[in-house]
Amino acid sequence: MDEARKHYPSGGSADGSPSLWHFVNGPLAAAREYFSREFDNALAESVGSPIRYWVTVSTFFPVLGFFAARVDDHIEILSYMVDETYWDLVGDDPGE
């Protein structure tokens, strides 16, 4: 949550970017729901790793990657990353 507070201040920002409330109730809530249902099917960080990840794609937030692990009897979201370059990479994909 410390990292989220840096990216998304409680009151939002003057430029209209999302607030912490938006983050917690949007992509973080979605990540919690995803991992609660699909943790065992989520992609592993690397072969044999206990850490799983999931990537969100939205219009209000940049692309976010969430990392989670099974801790005792529950799933814990460990971290997330902001991928500001995702759309640049997708834009370079050849057309179908």
PDB file of N, CA and C in Angstrom:
ATOM      1  N   MET A   1       0.810  -1.193   0.000  1.00  0.00           N
ATOM      2  CA  MET A   1       0.000   0.000   0.000  1.00  0.00           C
ATOM      3  C   MET A   1       0.860   1.266   0.000  1.00  0.00           C
ATOM      4  N   ASP A   2       2.090   1.169   0.524  1.00  0.00           N
ATOM      5  CA  ASP A   2       2.961   2.346   0.512  1.00  0.00           C
ATOM      6  C   ASP A   2       3.217   2.810  -0.915  1.00  0.00           C
ATOM      7  N   GLU A   3       3.485   1.856  -1.791  1.00  0.00           N
ATOM      8  CA  GLU A   3       3.735   2.197  -3.194  1.00  0.00           C
ATOM      9  C   GLU A   3       2.482   2.768  -3.849  1.00  0.00           C
ATOM     10  N   ALA A   4       1.336   2.210  -3.532  1.00  0.00           N
ATOM     11  CA  ALA A   4       0.076   2.709  -4.094  1.00  0.00           C
ATOM     12  C   ALA A   4      -0.183   4.145  -3.654  1.00  0.00           C
ATOM     13  N   ARG A   5       0.119   4.453  -2.412  1.00  0.00           N
ATOM     14  CA  ARG A   5      -0.083   5.828  -1.916  1.00  0.00           C
ATOM     15  C   ARG A   5       0.811   6.823  -2.658  1.00  0.00           C
ATOM     16  N   LYS A   6       1.996   6.377  -3.092  1.00  0.00           N
ATOM     17  CA  LYS A   6       2.888   7.256  -3.855  1.00  0.00           C
ATOM     18  C   LYS A   6       2.293   7.560  -5.237  1.00  0.00           C
ATOM     19  N   HIS A   7       1.769   6.527  -5.886  1.00  0.00           N
ATOM     20  CA  HIS A   7       1.202   6.697  -7.231  1.00  0.00           C
ATOM     21  C   HIS A   7      -0.175   7.351  -7.206  1.00  0.00           C
ATOM     22  N   TYR A   8      -0.969   7.030  -6.201  1.00  0.00           N
ATOM     23  CA  TYR A   8      -2.366   7.463  -6.151  1.00  0.00           C
ATOM     24  C   TYR A   8      -2.665   8.118  -4.807  1.00  0.00           C
ATOM     25  N   PRO A   9      -2.446   9.435  -4.693  1.00  0.00           N
ATOM     26  CA  PRO A   9      -2.690  10.114  -3.415  1.00  0.00           C
ATOM     27  C   PRO A   9      -4.155  10.030  -3.008  1.00  0.00           C
ATOM     28  N   SER A  10      -4.396  10.085  -1.706  1.00  0.00           N
ATOM     29  CA  SER A  10      -5.755   9.952  -1.169  1.00  0.00           C
ATOM     30  C   SER A  10      -6.741  10.912  -1.813  1.00  0.00           C
ATOM     31  N   GLY A  11      -6.343  12.135  -2.032  1.00  0.00           N
ATOM     32  CA  GLY A  11      -7.260  13.125  -2.608  1.00  0.00           C
ATOM     33  C   GLY A  11      -7.188  13.227  -4.119  1.00  0.00           C
ATOM     34  N   GLY A  12      -6.500  12.326  -4.758  1.00  0.00           N
ATOM     35  CA  GLY A  12      -6.306  12.425  -6.196  1.00  0.00           C
ATOM     36  C   GLY A  12      -5.234  13.452  -6.497  1.00  0.00           C
ATOM     37  N   SER A  13      -5.221  13.970  -7.708  1.00  0.00           N
ATOM     38  CA  SER A  13      -4.224  14.972  -8.075  1.00  0.00           C
ATOM     39  C   SER A  13      -4.872  16.053  -8.922  1.00  0.00           C
ATOM     40  N   ALA A  14      -4.183  17.143  -9.075  1.00  0.00           N
ATOM     41  CA  ALA A  14      -4.700  18.277  -9.837  1.00  0.00           C
ATOM     42  C   ALA A  14      -4.921  17.930 -11.311  1.00  0.00           C
ATOM     43  N   ASP A  15      -4.151  16.983 -11.825  1.00  0.00           N
ATOM     44  CA  ASP A  15      -4.310  16.616 -13.236  1.00  0.00           C
ATOM     45  C   ASP A  15      -5.427  15.605 -13.474  1.00  0.00           C
ATOM     46  N   GLY A  16      -6.118  15.205 -12.408  1.00  0.00           N
ATOM     47  CA  GLY A  16      -7.262  14.303 -12.557  1.00  0.00           C
ATOM     48  C   GLY A  16      -6.919  12.833 -12.572  1.00  0.00           C
ATOM     49  N   SER A  17      -5.701  12.476 -12.177  1.00  0.00           N
ATOM     50  CA  SER A  17      -5.342  11.059 -12.144  1.00  0.00           C
ATOM     51  C   SER A  17      -6.085  10.366 -11.000  1.00  0.00           C
ATOM     52  N   PRO A  18      -6.174   9.046 -11.030  1.00  0.00           N
ATOM     53  CA  PRO A  18      -6.939   8.298 -10.025  1.00  0.00           C
ATOM     54  C   PRO A  18      -6.426   8.522  -8.604  1.00  0.00           C
ATOM     55  N   SER A  19      -7.339   8.420  -7.656  1.00  0.00           N
ATOM     56  CA  SER A  19      -6.987   8.527  -6.240  1.00  0.00           C
ATOM     57  C   SER A  19      -6.738   7.130  -5.665  1.00  0.00           C
ATOM     58  N   LEU A  20      -6.298   7.088  -4.428  1.00  0.00           N
ATOM     59  CA  LEU A  20      -6.094   5.811  -3.741  1.00  0.00           C
ATOM     60  C   LEU A  20      -7.408   5.041  -3.654  1.00  0.00           C
ATOM     61  N   TRP A  21      -8.502   5.746  -3.412  1.00  0.00           N
ATOM     62  CA  TRP A  21      -9.822   5.098  -3.351  1.00  0.00           C
ATOM     63  C   TRP A  21     -10.116   4.391  -4.661  1.00  0.00           C
ATOM     64  N   HIS A  22      -9.856   5.055  -5.786  1.00  0.00           N
ATOM     65  CA  HIS A  22     -10.083   4.436  -7.095  1.00  0.00           C
ATOM     66  C   HIS A  22      -9.223   3.188  -7.265  1.00  0.00           C
ATOM     67  N   PHE A  23      -7.963   3.278  -6.840  1.00  0.00           N
ATOM     68  CA  PHE A  23      -7.056   2.138  -6.961  1.00  0.00           C
ATOM     69  C   PHE A  23      -7.540   0.951  -6.133  1.00  0.00           C
ATOM     70  N   VAL A  24      -7.877   1.214  -4.859  1.00  0.00           N
ATOM     71  CA  VAL A  24      -8.296   0.139  -3.947  1.00  0.00           C
ATOM     72  C   VAL A  24      -9.595  -0.509  -4.423  1.00  0.00           C
ATOM     73  N   ASN A  25     -10.528   0.300  -4.885  1.00  0.00           N
ATOM     74  CA  ASN A  25     -11.836  -0.220  -5.280  1.00  0.00           C
ATOM     75  C   ASN A  25     -11.923  -0.609  -6.743  1.00  0.00           C
ATOM     76  N   GLY A  26     -10.883  -0.359  -7.494  1.00  0.00           N
ATOM     77  CA  GLY A  26     -10.838  -0.737  -8.905  1.00  0.00           C
ATOM     78  C   GLY A  26      -9.878  -1.877  -9.135  1.00  0.00           C
ATOM     79  N   PRO A  27      -8.645  -1.570  -9.591  1.00  0.00           N
ATOM     80  CA  PRO A  27      -7.725  -2.652  -9.951  1.00  0.00           C
ATOM     81  C   PRO A  27      -7.303  -3.550  -8.793  1.00  0.00           C
ATOM     82  N   LEU A  28      -7.130  -3.007  -7.594  1.00  0.00           N
ATOM     83  CA  LEU A  28      -6.756  -3.867  -6.473  1.00  0.00           C
ATOM     84  C   LEU A  28      -7.889  -4.825  -6.121  1.00  0.00           C
ATOM     85  N   ALA A  29      -9.113  -4.341  -6.119  1.00  0.00           N
ATOM     86  CA  ALA A  29     -10.271  -5.225  -5.865  1.00  0.00           C
ATOM     87  C   ALA A  29     -10.373  -6.291  -6.946  1.00  0.00           C
ATOM     88  N   ALA A  30     -10.121  -5.906  -8.195  1.00  0.00           N
ATOM     89  CA  ALA A  30     -10.159  -6.881  -9.295  1.00  0.00           C
ATOM     90  C   ALA A  30      -9.071  -7.935  -9.126  1.00  0.00           C
ATOM     91  N   ALA A  31      -7.870  -7.507  -8.716  1.00  0.00           N
ATOM     92  CA  ALA A  31      -6.780  -8.458  -8.497  1.00  0.00           C
ATOM     93  C   ALA A  31      -7.116  -9.421  -7.360  1.00  0.00           C
ATOM     94  N   ARG A  32      -7.684  -8.901  -6.289  1.00  0.00           N
ATOM     95  CA  ARG A  32      -8.087  -9.776  -5.181  1.00  0.00           C
ATOM     96  C   ARG A  32      -9.098 -10.822  -5.654  1.00  0.00           C
ATOM     97  N   GLU A  33     -10.064 -10.382  -6.415  1.00  0.00           N
ATOM     98  CA  GLU A  33     -11.091 -11.301  -6.927  1.00  0.00           C
ATOM     99  C   GLU A  33     -10.461 -12.330  -7.864  1.00  0.00           C
ATOM    100  N   TYR A  34      -9.617 -11.868  -8.779  1.00  0.00           N
ATOM    101  CA  TYR A  34      -8.973 -12.788  -9.712  1.00  0.00           C
ATOM    102  C   TYR A  34      -8.170 -13.854  -8.973  1.00  0.00           C
ATOM    103  N   PHE A  35      -7.292 -13.422  -8.069  1.00  0.00           N
ATOM    104  CA  PHE A  35      -6.452 -14.391  -7.363  1.00  0.00           C
ATOM    105  C   PHE A  35      -7.272 -15.307  -6.465  1.00  0.00           C
ATOM    106  N   SER A  36      -8.372 -14.828  -5.911  1.00  0.00           N
ATOM    107  CA  SER A  36      -9.198 -15.692  -5.055  1.00  0.00           C
ATOM    108  C   SER A  36      -9.832 -16.819  -5.864  1.00  0.00           C
ATOM    109  N   ARG A  37     -10.061 -16.580  -7.139  1.00  0.00           N
ATOM    110  CA  ARG A  37     -10.699 -17.594  -7.994  1.00  0.00           C
ATOM    111  C   ARG A  37      -9.711 -18.373  -8.846  1.00  0.00           C
ATOM    112  N   GLU A  38      -8.644 -17.731  -9.286  1.00  0.00           N
ATOM    113  CA  GLU A  38      -7.774 -18.310 -10.319  1.00  0.00           C
ATOM    114  C   GLU A  38      -6.315 -18.439  -9.929  1.00  0.00           C
ATOM    115  N   PHE A  39      -5.992 -18.358  -8.644  1.00  0.00           N
ATOM    116  CA  PHE A  39      -4.585 -18.370  -8.253  1.00  0.00           C
ATOM    117  C   PHE A  39      -3.843 -19.560  -8.851  1.00  0.00           C
ATOM    118  N   ASP A  40      -4.408 -20.740  -8.750  1.00  0.00           N
ATOM    119  CA  ASP A  40      -3.712 -21.938  -9.227  1.00  0.00           C
ATOM    120  C   ASP A  40      -3.547 -21.959 -10.744  1.00  0.00           C
ATOM    121  N   ASN A  41      -4.351 -21.186 -11.458  1.00  0.00           N
ATOM    122  CA  ASN A  41      -4.267 -21.121 -12.919  1.00  0.00           C
ATOM    123  C   ASN A  41      -3.512 -19.893 -13.410  1.00  0.00           C
ATOM    124  N   ALA A  42      -3.168 -18.986 -12.503  1.00  0.00           N
ATOM    125  CA  ALA A  42      -2.465 -17.751 -12.888  1.00  0.00           C
ATOM    126  C   ALA A  42      -1.049 -18.079 -13.348  1.00  0.00           C
ATOM    127  N   LEU A  43      -0.497 -17.195 -14.140  1.00  0.00           N
ATOM    128  CA  LEU A  43       0.862 -17.384 -14.639  1.00  0.00           C
ATOM    129  C   LEU A  43       1.859 -17.282 -13.498  1.00  0.00           C
ATOM    130  N   ALA A  44       2.869 -18.146 -13.528  1.00  0.00           N
ATOM    131  CA  ALA A  44       3.931 -18.109 -12.523  1.00  0.00           C
ATOM    132  C   ALA A  44       4.960 -17.070 -12.933  1.00  0.00           C
ATOM    133  N   GLU A  45       5.553 -16.427 -11.939  1.00  0.00           N
ATOM    134  CA  GLU A  45       6.583 -15.422 -12.212  1.00  0.00           C
ATOM    135  C   GLU A  45       7.736 -16.026 -13.006  1.00  0.00           C
ATOM    136  N   SER A  46       8.090 -17.263 -12.668  1.00  0.00           N
ATOM    137  CA  SER A  46       9.089 -18.029 -13.408  1.00  0.00           C
ATOM    138  C   SER A  46       8.791 -19.503 -13.161  1.00  0.00           C
ATOM    139  N   VAL A  47       9.424 -20.377 -13.899  1.00  0.00           N
ATOM    140  CA  VAL A  47       9.173 -21.811 -13.766  1.00  0.00           C
ATOM    141  C   VAL A  47       9.454 -22.248 -12.329  1.00  0.00           C
ATOM    142  N   GLY A  48       8.469 -22.874 -11.701  1.00  0.00           N
ATOM    143  CA  GLY A  48       8.625 -23.377 -10.346  1.00  0.00           C
ATOM    144  C   GLY A  48       8.420 -22.343  -9.253  1.00  0.00           C
ATOM    145  N   SER A  49       8.182 -21.113  -9.622  1.00  0.00           N
ATOM    146  CA  SER A  49       8.014 -20.050  -8.623  1.00  0.00           C
ATOM    147  C   SER A  49       6.646 -20.141  -7.952  1.00  0.00           C
ATOM    148  N   PRO A  50       6.581 -19.887  -6.642  1.00  0.00           N
ATOM    149  CA  PRO A  50       5.288 -19.857  -5.962  1.00  0.00           C
ATOM    150  C   PRO A  50       4.545 -18.537  -6.181  1.00  0.00           C
ATOM    151  N   ILE A  51       5.205 -17.586  -6.803  1.00  0.00           N
ATOM    152  CA  ILE A  51       4.590 -16.278  -7.040  1.00  0.00           C
ATOM    153  C   ILE A  51       3.863 -16.294  -8.375  1.00  0.00           C
ATOM    154  N   ARG A  52       2.623 -15.801  -8.357  1.00  0.00           N
ATOM    155  CA  ARG A  52       1.794 -15.725  -9.549  1.00  0.00           C
ATOM    156  C   ARG A  52       1.561 -14.264  -9.893  1.00  0.00           C
ATOM    157  N   TYR A  53       1.230 -14.000 -11.164  1.00  0.00           N
ATOM    158  CA  TYR A  53       0.940 -12.624 -11.533  1.00  0.00           C
ATOM    159  C   TYR A  53      -0.260 -12.520 -12.458  1.00  0.00           C
ATOM    160  N   TRP A  54      -0.794 -11.333 -12.500  1.00  0.00           N
ATOM    161  CA  TRP A  54      -1.946 -11.017 -13.332  1.00  0.00           C
ATOM    162  C   TRP A  54      -1.810  -9.574 -13.776  1.00  0.00           C
ATOM    163  N   VAL A  55      -2.176  -9.295 -15.012  1.00  0.00           N
ATOM    164  CA  VAL A  55      -2.033  -7.953 -15.577  1.00  0.00           C
ATOM    165  C   VAL A  55      -3.411  -7.393 -15.893  1.00  0.00           C
ATOM    166  N   THR A  56      -3.654  -6.169 -15.420  1.00  0.00           N
ATOM    167  CA  THR A  56      -4.911  -5.488 -15.728  1.00  0.00           C
ATOM    168  C   THR A  56      -4.713  -4.616 -16.960  1.00  0.00           C
ATOM    169  N   VAL A  57      -5.775  -4.390 -17.686  1.00  0.00           N
ATOM    170  CA  VAL A  57      -5.763  -3.450 -18.798  1.00  0.00           C
ATOM    171  C   VAL A  57      -7.034  -2.621 -18.651  1.00  0.00           C
ATOM    172  N   SER A  58      -6.881  -1.313 -18.542  1.00  0.00           N
ATOM    173  CA  SER A  58      -8.054  -0.445 -18.427  1.00  0.00           C
ATOM    174  C   SER A  58      -7.779   0.876 -19.110  1.00  0.00           C
ATOM    175  N   THR A  59      -8.740   1.775 -19.053  1.00  0.00           N
ATOM    176  CA  THR A  59      -8.557   3.084 -19.662  1.00  0.00           C
ATOM    177  C   THR A  59      -8.268   4.161 -18.624  1.00  0.00           C
ATOM    178  N   PHE A  60      -8.717   3.992 -17.393  1.00  0.00           N
ATOM    179  CA  PHE A  60      -8.546   4.991 -16.350  1.00  0.00           C
ATOM    180  C   PHE A  60      -7.178   4.887 -15.683  1.00  0.00           C
ATOM    181  N   PHE A  61      -6.671   3.666 -15.565  1.00  0.00           N
ATOM    182  CA  PHE A  61      -5.364   3.390 -14.971  1.00  0.00           C
ATOM    183  C   PHE A  61      -4.411   2.936 -16.063  1.00  0.00           C
ATOM    184  N   PRO A  62      -3.106   3.111 -15.833  1.00  0.00           N
ATOM    185  CA  PRO A  62      -2.172   2.457 -16.751  1.00  0.00           C
ATOM    186  C   PRO A  62      -2.264   0.942 -16.544  1.00  0.00           C
ATOM    187  N   VAL A  63      -1.617   0.194 -17.383  1.00  0.00           N
ATOM    188  CA  VAL A  63      -1.581  -1.257 -17.215  1.00  0.00           C
ATOM    189  C   VAL A  63      -0.840  -1.564 -15.913  1.00  0.00           C
ATOM    190  N   LEU A  64      -1.431  -2.431 -15.086  1.00  0.00           N
ATOM    191  CA  LEU A  64      -0.859  -2.787 -13.790  1.00  0.00           C
ATOM    192  C   LEU A  64      -0.640  -4.286 -13.718  1.00  0.00           C
ATOM    193  N   GLY A  65       0.513  -4.699 -13.226  1.00  0.00           N
ATOM    194  CA  GLY A  65       0.799  -6.111 -12.986  1.00  0.00           C
ATOM    195  C   GLY A  65       0.796  -6.367 -11.489  1.00  0.00           C
ATOM    196  N   PHE A  66       0.005  -7.330 -11.038  1.00  0.00           N
ATOM    197  CA  PHE A  66      -0.083  -7.679  -9.623  1.00  0.00           C
ATOM    198  C   PHE A  66       0.604  -9.014  -9.381  1.00  0.00           C
ATOM    199  N   PHE A  67       1.307  -9.123  -8.249  1.00  0.00           N
ATOM    200  CA  PHE A  67       2.030 -10.329  -7.870  1.00  0.00           C
ATOM    201  C   PHE A  67       1.447 -10.849  -6.565  1.00  0.00           C
ATOM    202  N   ALA A  68       1.214 -12.162  -6.494  1.00  0.00           N
ATOM    203  CA  ALA A  68       0.607 -12.764  -5.297  1.00  0.00           C
ATOM    204  C   ALA A  68       1.259 -14.103  -4.990  1.00  0.00           C
ATOM    205  N   ALA A  69       1.084 -14.522  -3.741  1.00  0.00           N
ATOM    206  CA  ALA A  69       1.588 -15.827  -3.302  1.00  0.00           C
ATOM    207  C   ALA A  69       0.606 -16.418  -2.293  1.00  0.00           C
ATOM    208  N   ARG A  70       0.603 -17.745  -2.222  1.00  0.00           N
ATOM    209  CA  ARG A  70      -0.186 -18.427  -1.199  1.00  0.00           C
ATOM    210  C   ARG A  70       0.616 -18.383   0.096  1.00  0.00           C
ATOM    211  N   VAL A  71       0.008 -17.848   1.147  1.00  0.00           N
ATOM    212  CA  VAL A  71       0.636 -17.742   2.464  1.00  0.00           C
ATOM    213  C   VAL A  71      -0.268 -18.470   3.442  1.00  0.00           C
ATOM    214  N   ASP A  72       0.212 -19.601   3.945  1.00  0.00           N
ATOM    215  CA  ASP A  72      -0.596 -20.453   4.825  1.00  0.00           C
ATOM    216  C   ASP A  72      -1.917 -20.792   4.140  1.00  0.00           C
ATOM    217  N   ASP A  73      -3.023 -20.291   4.670  1.00  0.00           N
ATOM    218  CA  ASP A  73      -4.344 -20.663   4.142  1.00  0.00           C
ATOM    219  C   ASP A  73      -5.001 -19.556   3.326  1.00  0.00           C
ATOM    220  N   HIS A  74      -4.235 -18.561   2.890  1.00  0.00           N
ATOM    221  CA  HIS A  74      -4.828 -17.478   2.110  1.00  0.00           C
ATOM    222  C   HIS A  74      -3.861 -17.003   1.020  1.00  0.00           C
ATOM    223  N   ILE A  75      -4.395 -16.202   0.117  1.00  0.00           N
ATOM    224  CA  ILE A  75      -3.602 -15.617  -0.960  1.00  0.00           C
ATOM    225  C   ILE A  75      -3.283 -14.184  -0.550  1.00  0.00           C
ATOM    226  N   GLU A  76      -2.017 -13.803  -0.693  1.00  0.00           N
ATOM    227  CA  GLU A  76      -1.616 -12.450  -0.337  1.00  0.00           C
ATOM    228  C   GLU A  76      -1.051 -11.746  -1.561  1.00  0.00           C
ATOM    229  N   ILE A  77      -1.555 -10.558  -1.842  1.00  0.00           N
ATOM    230  CA  ILE A  77      -0.995  -9.750  -2.914  1.00  0.00           C
ATOM    231  C   ILE A  77       0.267  -9.098  -2.365  1.00  0.00           C
ATOM    232  N   LEU A  78       1.378  -9.371  -3.022  1.00  0.00           N
ATOM    233  CA  LEU A  78       2.682  -8.934  -2.538  1.00  0.00           C
ATOM    234  C   LEU A  78       3.080  -7.557  -3.042  1.00  0.00           C
ATOM    235  N   SER A  79       2.770  -7.303  -4.295  1.00  0.00           N
ATOM    236  CA  SER A  79       3.249  -6.087  -4.913  1.00  0.00           C
ATOM    237  C   SER A  79       2.504  -5.861  -6.220  1.00  0.00           C
ATOM    238  N   TYR A  80       2.754  -4.719  -6.806  1.00  0.00           N
ATOM    239  CA  TYR A  80       2.257  -4.452  -8.150  1.00  0.00           C
ATOM    240  C   TYR A  80       3.264  -3.558  -8.860  1.00  0.00           C
ATOM    241  N   MET A  81       3.138  -3.489 -10.164  1.00  0.00           N
ATOM    242  CA  MET A  81       3.999  -2.602 -10.941  1.00  0.00           C
ATOM    243  C   MET A  81       3.145  -1.867 -11.956  1.00  0.00           C
ATOM    244  N   VAL A  82       3.552  -0.667 -12.274  1.00  0.00           N
ATOM    245  CA  VAL A  82       2.884   0.146 -13.283  1.00  0.00           C
ATOM    246  C   VAL A  82       3.678  -0.007 -14.570  1.00  0.00           C
ATOM    247  N   ASP A  83       3.008  -0.412 -15.636  1.00  0.00           N
ATOM    248  CA  ASP A  83       3.684  -0.583 -16.926  1.00  0.00           C
ATOM    249  C   ASP A  83       3.259   0.548 -17.856  1.00  0.00           C
ATOM    250  N   GLU A  84       3.996   1.648 -17.794  1.00  0.00           N
ATOM    251  CA  GLU A  84       3.668   2.829 -18.605  1.00  0.00           C
ATOM    252  C   GLU A  84       3.936   2.611 -20.093  1.00  0.00           C
ATOM    253  N   THR A  85       4.724   1.605 -20.448  1.00  0.00           N
ATOM    254  CA  THR A  85       5.100   1.403 -21.848  1.00  0.00           C
ATOM    255  C   THR A  85       4.267   0.331 -22.556  1.00  0.00           C
ATOM    256  N   TYR A  86       3.318  -0.276 -21.865  1.00  0.00           N
ATOM    257  CA  TYR A  86       2.534  -1.382 -22.436  1.00  0.00           C
ATOM    258  C   TYR A  86       1.911  -0.999 -23.779  1.00  0.00           C
ATOM    259  N   TRP A  87       1.226   0.141 -23.827  1.00  0.00           N
ATOM    260  CA  TRP A  87       0.516   0.523 -25.053  1.00  0.00           C
ATOM    261  C   TRP A  87       1.485   0.847 -26.183  1.00  0.00           C
ATOM    262  N   ASP A  88       2.671   1.329 -25.859  1.00  0.00           N
ATOM    263  CA  ASP A  88       3.680   1.561 -26.886  1.00  0.00           C
ATOM    264  C   ASP A  88       4.098   0.237 -27.512  1.00  0.00           C
ATOM    265  N   LEU A  89       4.285  -0.782 -26.677  1.00  0.00           N
ATOM    266  CA  LEU A  89       4.670  -2.105 -27.185  1.00  0.00           C
ATOM    267  C   LEU A  89       3.565  -2.727 -28.009  1.00  0.00           C
ATOM    268  N   VAL A  90       2.326  -2.616 -27.546  1.00  0.00           N
ATOM    269  CA  VAL A  90       1.192  -3.179 -28.282  1.00  0.00           C
ATOM    270  C   VAL A  90       1.027  -2.454 -29.609  1.00  0.00           C
ATOM    271  N   GLY A  91       1.258  -1.147 -29.618  1.00  0.00           N
ATOM    272  CA  GLY A  91       1.130  -0.373 -30.848  1.00  0.00           C
ATOM    273  C   GLY A  91       2.101  -0.804 -31.922  1.00  0.00           C
ATOM    274  N   ASP A  92       3.200  -1.431 -31.531  1.00  0.00           N
ATOM    275  CA  ASP A  92       4.189  -1.919 -32.495  1.00  0.00           C
ATOM    276  C   ASP A  92       3.876  -3.312 -33.012  1.00  0.00           C
ATOM    277  N   ASP A  93       2.836  -3.966 -32.471  1.00  0.00           N
ATOM    278  CA  ASP A  93       2.474  -5.297 -32.945  1.00  0.00           C
ATOM    279  C   ASP A  93       1.943  -5.215 -34.382  1.00  0.00           C
ATOM    280  N   PRO A  94       2.287  -6.199 -35.200  1.00  0.00           N
ATOM    281  CA  PRO A  94       1.760  -6.189 -36.570  1.00  0.00           C
ATOM    282  C   PRO A  94       0.253  -6.412 -36.569  1.00  0.00           C
ATOM    283  N   GLY A  95      -0.441  -5.850 -37.532  1.00  0.00           N
ATOM    284  CA  GLY A  95      -1.895  -6.036 -37.656  1.00  0.00           C
ATOM    285  C   GLY A  95      -2.221  -7.465 -38.010  1.00  0.00           C
ATOM    286  N   GLU A  96      -3.446  -7.839 -37.675  1.00  0.00           N
ATOM    287  CA  GLU A  96      -3.860  -9.223 -37.990  1.00  0.00           C
ATOM    288  C   GLU A  96      -4.584  -9.276 -39.300  1.00  0.00           C
TER     289      GLU A  96
END
